[in-house]
Amino acid sequence: MTKTSFSLAVVCAALAFAGAASAQIVNHDTVRCAPVPKDEMKPQMDLQKKLVGEGWKVRQVKNFNGCYEVYGFDAAGKRTEAFFHPKTFEKIGEVAQPQ
């Protein structure tokens, strides 16, 4: 692999990671998750444990339009209202918080 190819690969990997790590800002009322059968949904407590393990301070987890809605503070200490898929715990997005 040439030096240029390697540099390009590193830049592409960094951009892909940054895109995956950044959350999509969503409008609270338009967030929707595809319907999931109840027996395929993971328990809310499992999501809370996962997030706490990642450094979050979770205040509340509830169902909203088929998603799990989480209120609390993320690992950086930023107040957060975020939405997660109930089967995969994939982060769907978060509501912009006032400064």
C-alpha atoms as a PDB file:
ATOM      1  CA  MET A   1       0.000   0.000   0.000  1.00  0.00           C
ATOM      2  CA  THR A   2       1.391   3.367  -0.936  1.00  0.00           C
ATOM      3  CA  LYS A   3       1.709   6.223   1.498  1.00  0.00           C
ATOM      4  CA  THR A   4      -1.088   8.136  -0.266  1.00  0.00           C
ATOM      5  CA  SER A   5      -3.427   5.129  -0.224  1.00  0.00           C
ATOM      6  CA  PHE A   6      -2.746   4.569   3.452  1.00  0.00           C
ATOM      7  CA  SER A   7      -3.399   8.231   4.286  1.00  0.00           C
ATOM      8  CA  LEU A   8      -6.638   8.166   2.323  1.00  0.00           C
ATOM      9  CA  ALA A   9      -7.739   5.000   4.123  1.00  0.00           C
ATOM     10  CA  VAL A  10      -7.028   6.586   7.521  1.00  0.00           C
ATOM     11  CA  VAL A  11      -8.989   9.735   6.623  1.00  0.00           C
ATOM     12  CA  CYS A  12     -11.955   7.690   5.344  1.00  0.00           C
ATOM     13  CA  ALA A  13     -11.978   5.563   8.494  1.00  0.00           C
ATOM     14  CA  ALA A  14     -11.883   8.652  10.707  1.00  0.00           C
ATOM     15  CA  LEU A  15     -14.764  10.266   8.818  1.00  0.00           C
ATOM     16  CA  ALA A  16     -16.829   7.088   8.984  1.00  0.00           C
ATOM     17  CA  PHE A  17     -16.265   6.830  12.732  1.00  0.00           C
ATOM     18  CA  ALA A  18     -17.115  10.499  13.287  1.00  0.00           C
ATOM     19  CA  GLY A  19     -20.332  10.092  11.317  1.00  0.00           C
ATOM     20  CA  ALA A  20     -21.372   7.052  13.317  1.00  0.00           C
ATOM     21  CA  ALA A  21     -20.508   8.684  16.624  1.00  0.00           C
ATOM     22  CA  SER A  22     -22.478  11.848  16.000  1.00  0.00           C
ATOM     23  CA  ALA A  23     -26.170  11.690  16.781  1.00  0.00           C
ATOM     24  CA  GLN A  24     -28.796  12.945  14.425  1.00  0.00           C
ATOM     25  CA  ILE A  25     -30.731  15.909  15.797  1.00  0.00           C
ATOM     26  CA  VAL A  26     -34.420  15.066  15.619  1.00  0.00           C
ATOM     27  CA  ASN A  27     -37.741  16.742  16.250  1.00  0.00           C
ATOM     28  CA  HIS A  28     -39.324  15.127  19.320  1.00  0.00           C
ATOM     29  CA  ASP A  29     -42.759  14.753  17.755  1.00  0.00           C
ATOM     30  CA  THR A  30     -41.568  13.134  14.517  1.00  0.00           C
ATOM     31  CA  VAL A  31     -39.365  10.380  15.992  1.00  0.00           C
ATOM     32  CA  ARG A  32     -40.677   6.925  15.165  1.00  0.00           C
ATOM     33  CA  CYS A  33     -39.246   3.435  15.361  1.00  0.00           C
ATOM     34  CA  ALA A  34     -40.559   0.615  13.197  1.00  0.00           C
ATOM     35  CA  PRO A  35     -42.956  -1.629  15.140  1.00  0.00           C
ATOM     36  CA  VAL A  36     -41.219  -4.467  16.996  1.00  0.00           C
ATOM     37  CA  PRO A  37     -43.069  -7.440  18.538  1.00  0.00           C
ATOM     38  CA  LYS A  38     -43.013  -7.222  22.338  1.00  0.00           C
ATOM     39  CA  ASP A  39     -41.138 -10.512  22.640  1.00  0.00           C
ATOM     40  CA  GLU A  40     -38.295  -9.072  20.507  1.00  0.00           C
ATOM     41  CA  MET A  41     -37.922  -5.852  22.499  1.00  0.00           C
ATOM     42  CA  LYS A  42     -35.043  -5.758  24.948  1.00  0.00           C
ATOM     43  CA  PRO A  43     -35.946  -4.584  28.463  1.00  0.00           C
ATOM     44  CA  GLN A  44     -35.618  -0.865  29.179  1.00  0.00           C
ATOM     45  CA  MET A  45     -33.480  -1.717  32.202  1.00  0.00           C
ATOM     46  CA  ASP A  46     -30.906  -3.352  29.902  1.00  0.00           C
ATOM     47  CA  LEU A  47     -30.616  -0.112  27.925  1.00  0.00           C
ATOM     48  CA  GLN A  48     -30.242   1.858  31.137  1.00  0.00           C
ATOM     49  CA  LYS A  49     -27.483  -0.488  32.372  1.00  0.00           C
ATOM     50  CA  LYS A  50     -25.694  -0.235  29.015  1.00  0.00           C
ATOM     51  CA  LEU A  51     -25.779   3.561  29.049  1.00  0.00           C
ATOM     52  CA  VAL A  52     -24.696   3.805  32.698  1.00  0.00           C
ATOM     53  CA  GLY A  53     -21.798   1.498  31.818  1.00  0.00           C
ATOM     54  CA  GLU A  54     -20.836   4.006  29.105  1.00  0.00           C
ATOM     55  CA  GLY A  55     -20.810   6.852  31.638  1.00  0.00           C
ATOM     56  CA  TRP A  56     -24.347   8.196  31.246  1.00  0.00           C
ATOM     57  CA  LYS A  57     -26.493   9.366  34.155  1.00  0.00           C
ATOM     58  CA  VAL A  58     -29.960   8.127  33.226  1.00  0.00           C
ATOM     59  CA  ARG A  59     -32.927   9.905  34.819  1.00  0.00           C
ATOM     60  CA  GLN A  60     -35.773   8.161  32.971  1.00  0.00           C
ATOM     61  CA  VAL A  61     -36.412   5.651  30.175  1.00  0.00           C
ATOM     62  CA  LYS A  62     -39.846   5.393  28.584  1.00  0.00           C
ATOM     63  CA  ASN A  63     -41.600   4.225  25.411  1.00  0.00           C
ATOM     64  CA  PHE A  64     -42.322   6.891  22.813  1.00  0.00           C
ATOM     65  CA  ASN A  65     -43.615   6.171  19.295  1.00  0.00           C
ATOM     66  CA  GLY A  66     -42.079   2.701  19.320  1.00  0.00           C
ATOM     67  CA  CYS A  67     -38.665   3.911  20.544  1.00  0.00           C
ATOM     68  CA  TYR A  68     -37.058   4.044  23.961  1.00  0.00           C
ATOM     69  CA  GLU A  69     -36.742   7.673  24.996  1.00  0.00           C
ATOM     70  CA  VAL A  70     -33.946   8.385  27.479  1.00  0.00           C
ATOM     71  CA  TYR A  71     -33.643  11.509  29.613  1.00  0.00           C
ATOM     72  CA  GLY A  72     -30.404  12.182  31.417  1.00  0.00           C
ATOM     73  CA  PHE A  73     -26.794  13.201  30.895  1.00  0.00           C
ATOM     74  CA  ASP A  74     -24.459  11.584  28.373  1.00  0.00           C
ATOM     75  CA  ALA A  75     -20.889  10.491  29.090  1.00  0.00           C
ATOM     76  CA  ALA A  76     -19.654  14.049  28.446  1.00  0.00           C
ATOM     77  CA  GLY A  77     -22.063  15.407  31.057  1.00  0.00           C
ATOM     78  CA  LYS A  78     -24.343  17.045  28.461  1.00  0.00           C
ATOM     79  CA  ARG A  79     -28.077  17.045  29.238  1.00  0.00           C
ATOM     80  CA  THR A  80     -29.640  14.686  26.721  1.00  0.00           C
ATOM     81  CA  GLU A  81     -32.994  13.480  25.457  1.00  0.00           C
ATOM     82  CA  ALA A  82     -32.166  10.591  23.124  1.00  0.00           C
ATOM     83  CA  PHE A  83     -34.090   7.883  21.293  1.00  0.00           C
ATOM     84  CA  PHE A  84     -33.005   4.256  20.887  1.00  0.00           C
ATOM     85  CA  HIS A  85     -34.369   1.324  18.900  1.00  0.00           C
ATOM     86  CA  PRO A  86     -35.961  -1.132  21.381  1.00  0.00           C
ATOM     87  CA  LYS A  87     -34.583  -4.253  19.676  1.00  0.00           C
ATOM     88  CA  THR A  88     -31.036  -3.173  18.826  1.00  0.00           C
ATOM     89  CA  PHE A  89     -30.426  -0.219  21.192  1.00  0.00           C
ATOM     90  CA  GLU A  90     -29.163   1.670  18.140  1.00  0.00           C
ATOM     91  CA  LYS A  91     -29.311   5.404  18.813  1.00  0.00           C
ATOM     92  CA  ILE A  92     -31.930   6.903  16.496  1.00  0.00           C
ATOM     93  CA  GLY A  93     -31.239  10.517  17.387  1.00  0.00           C
ATOM     94  CA  GLU A  94     -31.521  13.158  20.046  1.00  0.00           C
ATOM     95  CA  VAL A  95     -33.423  16.365  20.621  1.00  0.00           C
ATOM     96  CA  ALA A  96     -31.347  19.538  20.538  1.00  0.00           C
ATOM     97  CA  GLN A  97     -31.042  20.931  24.056  1.00  0.00           C
ATOM     98  CA  PRO A  98     -31.089  24.659  24.775  1.00  0.00           C
ATOM     99  CA  GLN A  99     -27.724  26.143  25.612  1.00  0.00           C
END
